[in-house]
Amino acid sequence: MSKGRILSGMRPTGRLHIGHLSVLENWVRLQEEYDCFFFAADYHAMTTAYDDTGAIKENTREMVADWLAVGLDPEKSVIFVQSHIPEHAELHLLFSMFTPLSWLERVPTYKDQVQHFKEQGKDIMTYGFLGYPLLQAADILIYRADAVPVGEDQLPHLELCREVARRFNHLYAKIFPEPRAELSRVTLLPGVDGRKMSKSYANDIAITASFDDIKKRVNAMITDPARIRKTDPGHPEVCVVHKYHHYYSQEKVLAIEEDCRAARVGCVACKRFLAEKINEILTPIRERREKISERYVTEVIKEGARKARAEAGATMELVRQALNI
C-alpha cells in the first residue's frame, strides 16, 4: 500500500535560522510517514533576486547541508535542486497556456509583495513574479503529490494548484491528483529586535550558531522597556525573550512568567536560561553539520536529481501524450 507522496521546498536566499527549524522538524517527521520530495527552489529565489544571483548556488549547497544536519535522510527522501530538473520549467510553460491571468492576479500575496518591495526601492512587477504560483503548481503536480505541508497563509497558493490540476484534467486527460493541504503549525519566532526574523536585518540566530553567537543574539533581545531595575515587576507579554520561552522552555514558561511578574528573576538570568535552552537544541545540529562534507552534499544532490528526473520524466510523458505533442 502506497504511503502517499509529499512535496515541499525552500528558497535558498541565505543561511537558515531557528525560524526555519519548526518547518524542518516537520519534514523530518513526514519522511517517516510518506514518500517525500524536498527541493531547493532556486528558480523561485530568482523571482525577487533576479538582479543578484551570485550567491544562489552557494546558498543552495549550504541549505541542503543544513537540511541534512537537522535530520533529512536521503535514504528516505528525495532531496534535489529545482533547476536540475528542467521538466519543472517545461510543465510551467505548458500550464501557462491555459491558466487565466486573473487566477494569478488574485493570489493575495502578489499585491502585498509588490508593495513591500516597492517600498524598498525594487520593482518586482515581472512576468516571473506574477507567475511564480503557477511554477509552484508545476513543482507539486509534476510529482503528482498527494499532499503539501503548508501554513494557513499558503492555502491560496495550494488552491490555485488544485484549480490548475482540475482544469488540465478537464481539458485533456485525468493525470493529476488534487493535492490536499497537510496543515503544519509553524512557529513564527520574531527576530531578536522584535521585527520579522531575517538575515538582512541581522536579527536572526543561525541554526548552526555557536554558543557564543547564541548568547550574543539573546543578550540583544528586546525586553520590557518599563522594567528598569531587577526589583521592578515585569510584563512578559511585551518581551521578546518570553516569546522564545514559549517555544524553547514550554515546561517552565508559566513559572518563568510568574517569576517575571513578581520580580523574582531578572532579565539577565532569564536570557542566560534561554541561551542555554537554545544551545541545548542546536548543539547536535551544529555537531552533525560540521561533519557534512561538500562532497557528500554534491552526492546527495546528484542522486536526488536522478530520482526526481525519473519521476518528473514519467509525468511529462503522460502530459505530452494528453496534449498531442
C-alpha atoms as a PDB file:
ATOM      1  CA  MET A   1       0.000   0.000   0.000  1.00  0.00           C
ATOM      2  CA  SER A   2       1.370   3.400  -1.000  1.00  0.00           C
ATOM      3  CA  LYS A   3       2.329   5.736   1.822  1.00  0.00           C
ATOM      4  CA  GLY A   4       1.257   8.784  -0.180  1.00  0.00           C
ATOM      5  CA  ARG A   5       3.551  11.441  -1.562  1.00  0.00           C
ATOM      6  CA  ILE A   6       4.655  14.787  -0.085  1.00  0.00           C
ATOM      7  CA  LEU A   7       6.312  17.676  -1.941  1.00  0.00           C
ATOM      8  CA  SER A   8       7.815  20.763  -0.321  1.00  0.00           C
ATOM      9  CA  GLY A   9      10.682  23.174  -0.839  1.00  0.00           C
ATOM     10  CA  MET A  10      12.546  26.246   0.381  1.00  0.00           C
ATOM     11  CA  ARG A  11      14.114  29.171  -1.421  1.00  0.00           C
ATOM     12  CA  PRO A  12      17.908  29.396  -0.980  1.00  0.00           C
ATOM     13  CA  THR A  13      18.001  33.079  -0.073  1.00  0.00           C
ATOM     14  CA  GLY A  14      20.554  32.895   2.749  1.00  0.00           C
ATOM     15  CA  ARG A  15      21.598  30.903   5.791  1.00  0.00           C
ATOM     16  CA  LEU A  16      18.844  29.091   7.657  1.00  0.00           C
ATOM     17  CA  HIS A  17      17.895  30.397  11.085  1.00  0.00           C
ATOM     18  CA  ILE A  18      15.938  28.973  14.001  1.00  0.00           C
ATOM     19  CA  GLY A  19      12.739  30.372  12.500  1.00  0.00           C
ATOM     20  CA  HIS A  20      13.074  27.603   9.869  1.00  0.00           C
ATOM     21  CA  LEU A  21      13.546  24.865  12.455  1.00  0.00           C
ATOM     22  CA  SER A  22       9.887  24.002  13.060  1.00  0.00           C
ATOM     23  CA  VAL A  23       9.371  23.537   9.293  1.00  0.00           C
ATOM     24  CA  LEU A  24      12.382  21.244   9.021  1.00  0.00           C
ATOM     25  CA  GLU A  25      11.406  19.259  12.106  1.00  0.00           C
ATOM     26  CA  ASN A  26       8.015  18.699  10.477  1.00  0.00           C
ATOM     27  CA  TRP A  27       9.733  17.480   7.296  1.00  0.00           C
ATOM     28  CA  VAL A  28      11.799  15.027   9.347  1.00  0.00           C
ATOM     29  CA  ARG A  29       8.585  13.612  10.830  1.00  0.00           C
ATOM     30  CA  LEU A  30       6.860  13.431   7.445  1.00  0.00           C
ATOM     31  CA  GLN A  31       9.663  11.392   5.851  1.00  0.00           C
ATOM     32  CA  GLU A  32       8.775   8.570   8.254  1.00  0.00           C
ATOM     33  CA  GLU A  33       5.155   8.549   7.056  1.00  0.00           C
ATOM     34  CA  TYR A  34       5.275   9.499   3.353  1.00  0.00           C
ATOM     35  CA  ASP A  35       7.362   9.255   0.205  1.00  0.00           C
ATOM     36  CA  CYS A  36       8.868  12.737   0.369  1.00  0.00           C
ATOM     37  CA  PHE A  37      10.345  15.034  -2.272  1.00  0.00           C
ATOM     38  CA  PHE A  38      12.141  18.096  -0.846  1.00  0.00           C
ATOM     39  CA  PHE A  39      13.744  20.620  -3.164  1.00  0.00           C
ATOM     40  CA  ALA A  40      15.861  23.756  -3.109  1.00  0.00           C
ATOM     41  CA  ALA A  41      13.734  26.261  -5.035  1.00  0.00           C
ATOM     42  CA  ASP A  42      16.490  28.189  -6.789  1.00  0.00           C
ATOM     43  CA  TYR A  43      14.212  29.302  -9.653  1.00  0.00           C
ATOM     44  CA  HIS A  44      11.888  30.804  -7.065  1.00  0.00           C
ATOM     45  CA  ALA A  45      14.802  32.649  -5.456  1.00  0.00           C
ATOM     46  CA  MET A  46      15.260  34.483  -8.757  1.00  0.00           C
ATOM     47  CA  THR A  47      11.718  35.900  -8.718  1.00  0.00           C
ATOM     48  CA  THR A  48      12.835  38.531  -6.200  1.00  0.00           C
ATOM     49  CA  ALA A  49      16.627  38.338  -6.668  1.00  0.00           C
ATOM     50  CA  TYR A  50      16.811  38.356 -10.468  1.00  0.00           C
ATOM     51  CA  ASP A  51      19.432  41.115 -10.343  1.00  0.00           C
ATOM     52  CA  ASP A  52      21.653  39.415  -7.749  1.00  0.00           C
ATOM     53  CA  THR A  53      22.084  35.716  -8.483  1.00  0.00           C
ATOM     54  CA  GLY A  54      25.731  35.354  -7.459  1.00  0.00           C
ATOM     55  CA  ALA A  55      25.057  33.665  -4.126  1.00  0.00           C
ATOM     56  CA  ILE A  56      22.218  31.326  -5.150  1.00  0.00           C
ATOM     57  CA  LYS A  57      24.407  28.301  -5.924  1.00  0.00           C
ATOM     58  CA  GLU A  58      26.382  28.551  -2.681  1.00  0.00           C
ATOM     59  CA  ASN A  59      23.246  29.262  -0.656  1.00  0.00           C
ATOM     60  CA  THR A  60      21.680  26.153  -2.174  1.00  0.00           C
ATOM     61  CA  ARG A  61      24.545  23.898  -1.118  1.00  0.00           C
ATOM     62  CA  GLU A  62      24.643  25.404   2.379  1.00  0.00           C
ATOM     63  CA  MET A  63      20.888  24.993   2.764  1.00  0.00           C
ATOM     64  CA  VAL A  64      20.930  21.337   1.737  1.00  0.00           C
ATOM     65  CA  ALA A  65      23.758  20.705   4.220  1.00  0.00           C
ATOM     66  CA  ASP A  66      21.621  22.315   6.948  1.00  0.00           C
ATOM     67  CA  TRP A  67      18.687  20.067   5.984  1.00  0.00           C
ATOM     68  CA  LEU A  68      20.889  17.006   6.387  1.00  0.00           C
ATOM     69  CA  ALA A  69      22.159  18.255   9.748  1.00  0.00           C
ATOM     70  CA  VAL A  70      18.614  18.703  11.051  1.00  0.00           C
ATOM     71  CA  GLY A  71      17.731  15.149  10.064  1.00  0.00           C
ATOM     72  CA  LEU A  72      16.549  14.820   6.472  1.00  0.00           C
ATOM     73  CA  ASP A  73      17.688  11.420   5.253  1.00  0.00           C
ATOM     74  CA  PRO A  74      18.472  10.920   1.530  1.00  0.00           C
ATOM     75  CA  GLU A  75      17.665   7.225   2.018  1.00  0.00           C
ATOM     76  CA  LYS A  76      14.102   8.182   2.992  1.00  0.00           C
ATOM     77  CA  SER A  77      13.534  11.383   0.996  1.00  0.00           C
ATOM     78  CA  VAL A  78      14.399  12.629  -2.475  1.00  0.00           C
ATOM     79  CA  ILE A  79      16.457  15.799  -1.957  1.00  0.00           C
ATOM     80  CA  PHE A  80      17.137  17.823  -5.093  1.00  0.00           C
ATOM     81  CA  VAL A  81      17.619  21.238  -6.685  1.00  0.00           C
ATOM     82  CA  GLN A  82      14.760  22.672  -8.746  1.00  0.00           C
ATOM     83  CA  SER A  83      16.877  23.924 -11.665  1.00  0.00           C
ATOM     84  CA  HIS A  84      18.443  20.467 -12.089  1.00  0.00           C
ATOM     85  CA  ILE A  85      15.043  19.168 -13.209  1.00  0.00           C
ATOM     86  CA  PRO A  86      14.192  21.018 -16.473  1.00  0.00           C
ATOM     87  CA  GLU A  87      10.789  19.314 -16.576  1.00  0.00           C
ATOM     88  CA  HIS A  88       9.614  21.802 -13.913  1.00  0.00           C
ATOM     89  CA  ALA A  89      10.097  24.674 -16.357  1.00  0.00           C
ATOM     90  CA  GLU A  90       8.504  22.724 -19.216  1.00  0.00           C
ATOM     91  CA  LEU A  91       5.366  21.929 -17.235  1.00  0.00           C
ATOM     92  CA  HIS A  92       5.168  25.520 -16.007  1.00  0.00           C
ATOM     93  CA  LEU A  93       5.225  26.707 -19.627  1.00  0.00           C
ATOM     94  CA  LEU A  94       2.505  24.273 -20.661  1.00  0.00           C
ATOM     95  CA  PHE A  95       0.325  25.257 -17.688  1.00  0.00           C
ATOM     96  CA  SER A  96       0.720  28.936 -18.667  1.00  0.00           C
ATOM     97  CA  MET A  97      -1.026  28.199 -21.972  1.00  0.00           C
ATOM     98  CA  PHE A  98      -4.402  27.606 -20.296  1.00  0.00           C
ATOM     99  CA  THR A  99      -4.201  29.389 -16.930  1.00  0.00           C
ATOM    100  CA  PRO A 100      -6.288  32.596 -16.858  1.00  0.00           C
ATOM    101  CA  LEU A 101      -4.328  35.703 -15.944  1.00  0.00           C
ATOM    102  CA  SER A 102      -6.993  36.599 -13.384  1.00  0.00           C
ATOM    103  CA  TRP A 103      -6.143  33.474 -11.368  1.00  0.00           C
ATOM    104  CA  LEU A 104      -2.608  34.775 -10.806  1.00  0.00           C
ATOM    105  CA  GLU A 105      -3.621  38.367 -10.133  1.00  0.00           C
ATOM    106  CA  ARG A 106      -5.970  37.347  -7.329  1.00  0.00           C
ATOM    107  CA  VAL A 107      -3.310  35.499  -5.292  1.00  0.00           C
ATOM    108  CA  PRO A 108      -3.364  37.511  -2.032  1.00  0.00           C
ATOM    109  CA  THR A 109       0.400  37.732  -1.578  1.00  0.00           C
ATOM    110  CA  TYR A 110       1.030  39.185  -5.052  1.00  0.00           C
ATOM    111  CA  LYS A 111      -0.007  42.796  -4.443  1.00  0.00           C
ATOM    112  CA  ASP A 112       1.324  42.721  -0.879  1.00  0.00           C
ATOM    113  CA  GLN A 113       4.761  41.603  -2.017  1.00  0.00           C
ATOM    114  CA  VAL A 114       4.866  44.056  -4.922  1.00  0.00           C
ATOM    115  CA  GLN A 115       4.119  46.897  -2.488  1.00  0.00           C
ATOM    116  CA  HIS A 116       6.627  45.585   0.073  1.00  0.00           C
ATOM    117  CA  PHE A 117       9.465  45.524  -2.442  1.00  0.00           C
ATOM    118  CA  LYS A 118       8.400  48.856  -3.943  1.00  0.00           C
ATOM    119  CA  GLU A 119       8.858  50.439  -0.523  1.00  0.00           C
ATOM    120  CA  GLN A 120      12.383  49.023  -0.557  1.00  0.00           C
ATOM    121  CA  GLY A 121      13.011  50.642  -3.938  1.00  0.00           C
ATOM    122  CA  LYS A 122      12.765  47.458  -6.016  1.00  0.00           C
ATOM    123  CA  ASP A 123      10.424  46.690  -8.896  1.00  0.00           C
ATOM    124  CA  ILE A 124       9.323  43.035  -8.977  1.00  0.00           C
ATOM    125  CA  MET A 125       6.382  43.503 -11.339  1.00  0.00           C
ATOM    126  CA  THR A 126       7.805  40.908 -13.704  1.00  0.00           C
ATOM    127  CA  TYR A 127       6.266  38.016 -15.603  1.00  0.00           C
ATOM    128  CA  GLY A 128       8.277  35.627 -13.431  1.00  0.00           C
ATOM    129  CA  PHE A 129       6.977  37.037 -10.147  1.00  0.00           C
ATOM    130  CA  LEU A 130       3.370  37.127 -11.332  1.00  0.00           C
ATOM    131  CA  GLY A 131       3.713  33.531 -12.498  1.00  0.00           C
ATOM    132  CA  TYR A 132       5.582  32.066  -9.551  1.00  0.00           C
ATOM    133  CA  PRO A 133       2.421  30.495  -8.023  1.00  0.00           C
ATOM    134  CA  LEU A 134       1.970  28.658 -11.324  1.00  0.00           C
ATOM    135  CA  LEU A 135       5.564  27.448 -11.157  1.00  0.00           C
ATOM    136  CA  GLN A 136       4.757  26.239  -7.635  1.00  0.00           C
ATOM    137  CA  ALA A 137       1.835  24.310  -9.091  1.00  0.00           C
ATOM    138  CA  ALA A 138       4.166  22.702 -11.616  1.00  0.00           C
ATOM    139  CA  ASP A 139       6.637  21.849  -8.833  1.00  0.00           C
ATOM    140  CA  ILE A 140       3.889  19.999  -6.958  1.00  0.00           C
ATOM    141  CA  LEU A 141       1.971  18.392  -9.788  1.00  0.00           C
ATOM    142  CA  ILE A 142       4.963  17.080 -11.726  1.00  0.00           C
ATOM    143  CA  TYR A 143       5.484  14.601  -8.868  1.00  0.00           C
ATOM    144  CA  ARG A 144       1.737  14.005  -8.580  1.00  0.00           C
ATOM    145  CA  ALA A 145       1.966  14.775  -4.876  1.00  0.00           C
ATOM    146  CA  ASP A 146      -0.960  13.812  -2.658  1.00  0.00           C
ATOM    147  CA  ALA A 147      -0.280  16.436  -0.018  1.00  0.00           C
ATOM    148  CA  VAL A 148       1.769  19.576   0.597  1.00  0.00           C
ATOM    149  CA  PRO A 149       2.788  20.752   4.088  1.00  0.00           C
ATOM    150  CA  VAL A 150       1.722  24.396   4.322  1.00  0.00           C
ATOM    151  CA  GLY A 151       0.829  27.061   6.826  1.00  0.00           C
ATOM    152  CA  GLU A 152      -2.586  28.706   6.606  1.00  0.00           C
ATOM    153  CA  ASP A 153      -1.117  31.730   4.801  1.00  0.00           C
ATOM    154  CA  GLN A 154      -0.129  29.467   1.880  1.00  0.00           C
ATOM    155  CA  LEU A 155      -3.547  27.892   1.347  1.00  0.00           C
ATOM    156  CA  PRO A 156      -4.455  30.260  -1.560  1.00  0.00           C
ATOM    157  CA  HIS A 157      -1.347  29.043  -3.430  1.00  0.00           C
ATOM    158  CA  LEU A 158      -2.341  25.427  -2.938  1.00  0.00           C
ATOM    159  CA  GLU A 159      -5.899  26.166  -4.063  1.00  0.00           C
ATOM    160  CA  LEU A 160      -4.500  27.627  -7.292  1.00  0.00           C
ATOM    161  CA  CYS A 161      -2.543  24.407  -7.757  1.00  0.00           C
ATOM    162  CA  ARG A 162      -5.725  22.383  -7.288  1.00  0.00           C
ATOM    163  CA  GLU A 163      -7.572  24.569  -9.822  1.00  0.00           C
ATOM    164  CA  VAL A 164      -4.781  24.063 -12.367  1.00  0.00           C
ATOM    165  CA  ALA A 165      -4.950  20.299 -11.851  1.00  0.00           C
ATOM    166  CA  ARG A 166      -8.737  20.322 -12.319  1.00  0.00           C
ATOM    167  CA  ARG A 167      -8.503  22.436 -15.467  1.00  0.00           C
ATOM    168  CA  PHE A 168      -5.846  20.208 -17.041  1.00  0.00           C
ATOM    169  CA  ASN A 169      -7.762  17.037 -16.141  1.00  0.00           C
ATOM    170  CA  HIS A 170     -10.957  18.513 -17.630  1.00  0.00           C
ATOM    171  CA  LEU A 171      -9.372  19.834 -20.841  1.00  0.00           C
ATOM    172  CA  TYR A 172      -7.046  16.952 -21.661  1.00  0.00           C
ATOM    173  CA  ALA A 173      -6.808  13.820 -19.504  1.00  0.00           C
ATOM    174  CA  LYS A 174      -7.091  12.914 -15.846  1.00  0.00           C
ATOM    175  CA  ILE A 175      -3.430  12.827 -14.879  1.00  0.00           C
ATOM    176  CA  PHE A 176      -3.035  14.978 -11.796  1.00  0.00           C
ATOM    177  CA  PRO A 177      -4.353  14.438  -8.270  1.00  0.00           C
ATOM    178  CA  GLU A 178      -5.672  17.496  -6.427  1.00  0.00           C
ATOM    179  CA  PRO A 179      -3.181  17.710  -3.568  1.00  0.00           C
ATOM    180  CA  ARG A 180      -4.548  18.374  -0.120  1.00  0.00           C
ATOM    181  CA  ALA A 181      -3.036  20.665   2.478  1.00  0.00           C
ATOM    182  CA  GLU A 182      -1.032  18.991   5.207  1.00  0.00           C
ATOM    183  CA  LEU A 183      -1.521  21.854   7.641  1.00  0.00           C
ATOM    184  CA  SER A 184       1.541  22.343   9.769  1.00  0.00           C
ATOM    185  CA  ARG A 185       1.953  24.525  12.818  1.00  0.00           C
ATOM    186  CA  VAL A 186       4.868  26.809  12.033  1.00  0.00           C
ATOM    187  CA  THR A 187       6.385  28.640  14.965  1.00  0.00           C
ATOM    188  CA  LEU A 188       6.727  32.300  13.983  1.00  0.00           C
ATOM    189  CA  LEU A 189       9.603  33.485  16.136  1.00  0.00           C
ATOM    190  CA  PRO A 190      10.415  37.201  15.937  1.00  0.00           C
ATOM    191  CA  GLY A 191      13.933  38.448  15.393  1.00  0.00           C
ATOM    192  CA  VAL A 192      15.945  39.494  18.431  1.00  0.00           C
ATOM    193  CA  ASP A 193      14.775  43.086  17.876  1.00  0.00           C
ATOM    194  CA  GLY A 194      11.091  42.146  17.667  1.00  0.00           C
ATOM    195  CA  ARG A 195      10.858  42.522  13.886  1.00  0.00           C
ATOM    196  CA  LYS A 196      10.477  39.655  11.431  1.00  0.00           C
ATOM    197  CA  MET A 197      13.476  37.367  11.712  1.00  0.00           C
ATOM    198  CA  SER A 198      15.722  37.892   8.693  1.00  0.00           C
ATOM    199  CA  LYS A 199      19.408  37.663   7.880  1.00  0.00           C
ATOM    200  CA  SER A 200      19.073  41.012   6.082  1.00  0.00           C
ATOM    201  CA  TYR A 201      18.047  42.614   9.397  1.00  0.00           C
ATOM    202  CA  ALA A 202      20.934  40.894  11.239  1.00  0.00           C
ATOM    203  CA  ASN A 203      18.389  39.885  13.893  1.00  0.00           C
ATOM    204  CA  ASP A 204      18.416  36.117  13.364  1.00  0.00           C
ATOM    205  CA  ILE A 205      20.011  33.149  15.109  1.00  0.00           C
ATOM    206  CA  ALA A 206      21.507  30.673  12.648  1.00  0.00           C
ATOM    207  CA  ILE A 207      20.650  27.025  13.235  1.00  0.00           C
ATOM    208  CA  THR A 208      24.399  26.336  13.263  1.00  0.00           C
ATOM    209  CA  ALA A 209      25.231  29.236  15.608  1.00  0.00           C
ATOM    210  CA  SER A 210      27.921  28.682  18.253  1.00  0.00           C
ATOM    211  CA  PHE A 211      27.071  29.089  21.928  1.00  0.00           C
ATOM    212  CA  ASP A 212      28.893  32.435  21.928  1.00  0.00           C
ATOM    213  CA  ASP A 213      26.821  33.601  18.949  1.00  0.00           C
ATOM    214  CA  ILE A 214      23.628  32.434  20.644  1.00  0.00           C
ATOM    215  CA  LYS A 215      24.482  34.320  23.847  1.00  0.00           C
ATOM    216  CA  LYS A 216      25.307  37.443  21.862  1.00  0.00           C
ATOM    217  CA  ARG A 217      21.988  37.329  19.992  1.00  0.00           C
ATOM    218  CA  VAL A 218      19.923  36.526  23.074  1.00  0.00           C
ATOM    219  CA  ASN A 219      21.573  39.327  25.034  1.00  0.00           C
ATOM    220  CA  ALA A 220      20.485  41.706  22.257  1.00  0.00           C
ATOM    221  CA  MET A 221      16.820  40.707  22.604  1.00  0.00           C
ATOM    222  CA  ILE A 222      14.315  43.421  23.439  1.00  0.00           C
ATOM    223  CA  THR A 223      12.844  43.038  26.935  1.00  0.00           C
ATOM    224  CA  ASP A 224      10.256  45.019  28.902  1.00  0.00           C
ATOM    225  CA  PRO A 225      11.257  48.701  28.464  1.00  0.00           C
ATOM    226  CA  ALA A 226       9.349  49.633  31.621  1.00  0.00           C
ATOM    227  CA  ARG A 227      11.452  47.318  33.762  1.00  0.00           C
ATOM    228  CA  ILE A 228      14.422  49.462  34.775  1.00  0.00           C
ATOM    229  CA  ARG A 229      15.584  47.540  37.846  1.00  0.00           C
ATOM    230  CA  LYS A 230      15.570  43.850  38.670  1.00  0.00           C
ATOM    231  CA  THR A 231      13.163  44.564  41.526  1.00  0.00           C
ATOM    232  CA  ASP A 232      10.584  46.117  39.157  1.00  0.00           C
ATOM    233  CA  PRO A 233       7.714  43.758  38.221  1.00  0.00           C
ATOM    234  CA  GLY A 234       7.934  42.655  34.591  1.00  0.00           C
ATOM    235  CA  HIS A 235       5.404  42.431  31.776  1.00  0.00           C
ATOM    236  CA  PRO A 236       6.366  39.248  29.886  1.00  0.00           C
ATOM    237  CA  GLU A 237       3.715  39.770  27.183  1.00  0.00           C
ATOM    238  CA  VAL A 238       5.823  42.614  25.685  1.00  0.00           C
ATOM    239  CA  CYS A 239       9.151  40.785  25.969  1.00  0.00           C
ATOM    240  CA  VAL A 240      10.828  39.065  23.006  1.00  0.00           C
ATOM    241  CA  VAL A 241      12.666  36.701  25.368  1.00  0.00           C
ATOM    242  CA  HIS A 242       9.349  35.452  26.728  1.00  0.00           C
ATOM    243  CA  LYS A 243       8.069  34.718  23.204  1.00  0.00           C
ATOM    244  CA  TYR A 244      11.093  32.436  22.762  1.00  0.00           C
ATOM    245  CA  HIS A 245      10.449  30.747  26.108  1.00  0.00           C
ATOM    246  CA  HIS A 246       7.008  29.703  24.801  1.00  0.00           C
ATOM    247  CA  TYR A 247       8.819  27.598  22.204  1.00  0.00           C
ATOM    248  CA  TYR A 248      12.084  26.581  23.882  1.00  0.00           C
ATOM    249  CA  SER A 249      11.023  26.388  27.556  1.00  0.00           C
ATOM    250  CA  GLN A 250       7.459  25.135  27.333  1.00  0.00           C
ATOM    251  CA  GLU A 251       7.722  23.061  30.507  1.00  0.00           C
ATOM    252  CA  LYS A 252       8.735  26.108  32.570  1.00  0.00           C
ATOM    253  CA  VAL A 253       7.119  29.009  30.741  1.00  0.00           C
ATOM    254  CA  LEU A 254       4.339  29.555  33.304  1.00  0.00           C
ATOM    255  CA  ALA A 255       6.814  29.579  36.176  1.00  0.00           C
ATOM    256  CA  ILE A 256       9.084  31.964  34.250  1.00  0.00           C
ATOM    257  CA  GLU A 257       6.142  34.274  33.615  1.00  0.00           C
ATOM    258  CA  GLU A 258       5.128  34.268  37.296  1.00  0.00           C
ATOM    259  CA  ASP A 259       8.696  34.923  38.454  1.00  0.00           C
ATOM    260  CA  CYS A 260       8.987  37.816  35.976  1.00  0.00           C
ATOM    261  CA  ARG A 261       5.768  39.463  37.116  1.00  0.00           C
ATOM    262  CA  ALA A 262       6.794  39.049  40.765  1.00  0.00           C
ATOM    263  CA  ALA A 263      10.334  40.355  40.101  1.00  0.00           C
ATOM    264  CA  ARG A 264      11.826  37.097  41.370  1.00  0.00           C
ATOM    265  CA  VAL A 265      14.013  36.756  38.288  1.00  0.00           C
ATOM    266  CA  GLY A 266      15.871  39.435  36.350  1.00  0.00           C
ATOM    267  CA  CYS A 267      16.266  39.826  32.588  1.00  0.00           C
ATOM    268  CA  VAL A 268      19.939  38.811  32.674  1.00  0.00           C
ATOM    269  CA  ALA A 269      19.180  35.467  34.326  1.00  0.00           C
ATOM    270  CA  CYS A 270      16.165  34.930  32.062  1.00  0.00           C
ATOM    271  CA  LYS A 271      18.308  35.487  28.965  1.00  0.00           C
ATOM    272  CA  ARG A 272      21.018  33.183  30.275  1.00  0.00           C
ATOM    273  CA  PHE A 273      18.500  30.370  30.745  1.00  0.00           C
ATOM    274  CA  LEU A 274      17.076  30.910  27.250  1.00  0.00           C
ATOM    275  CA  ALA A 275      20.532  30.889  25.637  1.00  0.00           C
ATOM    276  CA  GLU A 276      21.299  27.574  27.347  1.00  0.00           C
ATOM    277  CA  LYS A 277      17.992  26.062  26.151  1.00  0.00           C
ATOM    278  CA  ILE A 278      18.571  27.169  22.551  1.00  0.00           C
ATOM    279  CA  ASN A 279      22.134  25.853  22.647  1.00  0.00           C
ATOM    280  CA  GLU A 280      20.893  22.518  24.001  1.00  0.00           C
ATOM    281  CA  ILE A 281      18.691  22.133  20.908  1.00  0.00           C
ATOM    282  CA  LEU A 282      21.203  23.434  18.360  1.00  0.00           C
ATOM    283  CA  THR A 283      24.318  21.610  19.641  1.00  0.00           C
ATOM    284  CA  PRO A 284      23.558  18.223  17.980  1.00  0.00           C
ATOM    285  CA  ILE A 285      22.597  20.017  14.741  1.00  0.00           C
ATOM    286  CA  ARG A 286      25.829  22.036  14.820  1.00  0.00           C
ATOM    287  CA  GLU A 287      27.915  18.920  15.501  1.00  0.00           C
ATOM    288  CA  ARG A 288      26.304  16.978  12.643  1.00  0.00           C
ATOM    289  CA  ARG A 289      26.702  19.974  10.332  1.00  0.00           C
ATOM    290  CA  GLU A 290      30.458  20.107  10.969  1.00  0.00           C
ATOM    291  CA  LYS A 291      30.787  16.510   9.763  1.00  0.00           C
ATOM    292  CA  ILE A 292      28.920  17.022   6.480  1.00  0.00           C
ATOM    293  CA  SER A 293      31.398  17.426   3.642  1.00  0.00           C
ATOM    294  CA  GLU A 294      30.875  19.374   0.431  1.00  0.00           C
ATOM    295  CA  ARG A 295      31.457  16.141  -1.460  1.00  0.00           C
ATOM    296  CA  TYR A 296      28.625  14.419   0.401  1.00  0.00           C
ATOM    297  CA  VAL A 297      26.238  17.298  -0.336  1.00  0.00           C
ATOM    298  CA  THR A 298      27.159  17.031  -4.018  1.00  0.00           C
ATOM    299  CA  GLU A 299      26.423  13.293  -3.984  1.00  0.00           C
ATOM    300  CA  VAL A 300      23.062  13.798  -2.269  1.00  0.00           C
ATOM    301  CA  ILE A 301      22.010  16.461  -4.777  1.00  0.00           C
ATOM    302  CA  LYS A 302      23.177  14.372  -7.747  1.00  0.00           C
ATOM    303  CA  GLU A 303      21.331  11.250  -6.588  1.00  0.00           C
ATOM    304  CA  GLY A 304      18.255  13.314  -5.751  1.00  0.00           C
ATOM    305  CA  ALA A 305      18.246  14.764  -9.260  1.00  0.00           C
ATOM    306  CA  ARG A 306      18.424  11.276 -10.753  1.00  0.00           C
ATOM    307  CA  LYS A 307      15.405  10.089  -8.757  1.00  0.00           C
ATOM    308  CA  ALA A 308      13.441  13.307  -9.282  1.00  0.00           C
ATOM    309  CA  ARG A 309      14.049  13.362 -13.044  1.00  0.00           C
ATOM    310  CA  ALA A 310      12.790   9.787 -13.348  1.00  0.00           C
ATOM    311  CA  GLU A 311       9.502  10.754 -11.692  1.00  0.00           C
ATOM    312  CA  ALA A 312       9.210  14.087 -13.498  1.00  0.00           C
ATOM    313  CA  GLY A 313      10.015  12.463 -16.833  1.00  0.00           C
ATOM    314  CA  ALA A 314       7.297   9.854 -16.368  1.00  0.00           C
ATOM    315  CA  THR A 315       4.745  12.592 -15.668  1.00  0.00           C
ATOM    316  CA  MET A 316       5.828  14.614 -18.685  1.00  0.00           C
ATOM    317  CA  GLU A 317       5.391  11.575 -20.945  1.00  0.00           C
ATOM    318  CA  LEU A 318       1.745  11.427 -19.841  1.00  0.00           C
ATOM    319  CA  VAL A 319       1.350  15.201 -20.260  1.00  0.00           C
ATOM    320  CA  ARG A 320       2.772  15.221 -23.803  1.00  0.00           C
ATOM    321  CA  GLN A 321       0.504  12.352 -24.794  1.00  0.00           C
ATOM    322  CA  ALA A 322      -2.514  14.165 -23.386  1.00  0.00           C
ATOM    323  CA  LEU A 323      -1.563  17.350 -25.259  1.00  0.00           C
ATOM    324  CA  ASN A 324      -0.721  15.502 -28.506  1.00  0.00           C
ATOM    325  CA  ILE A 325       2.764  16.999 -28.656  1.00  0.00           C
END
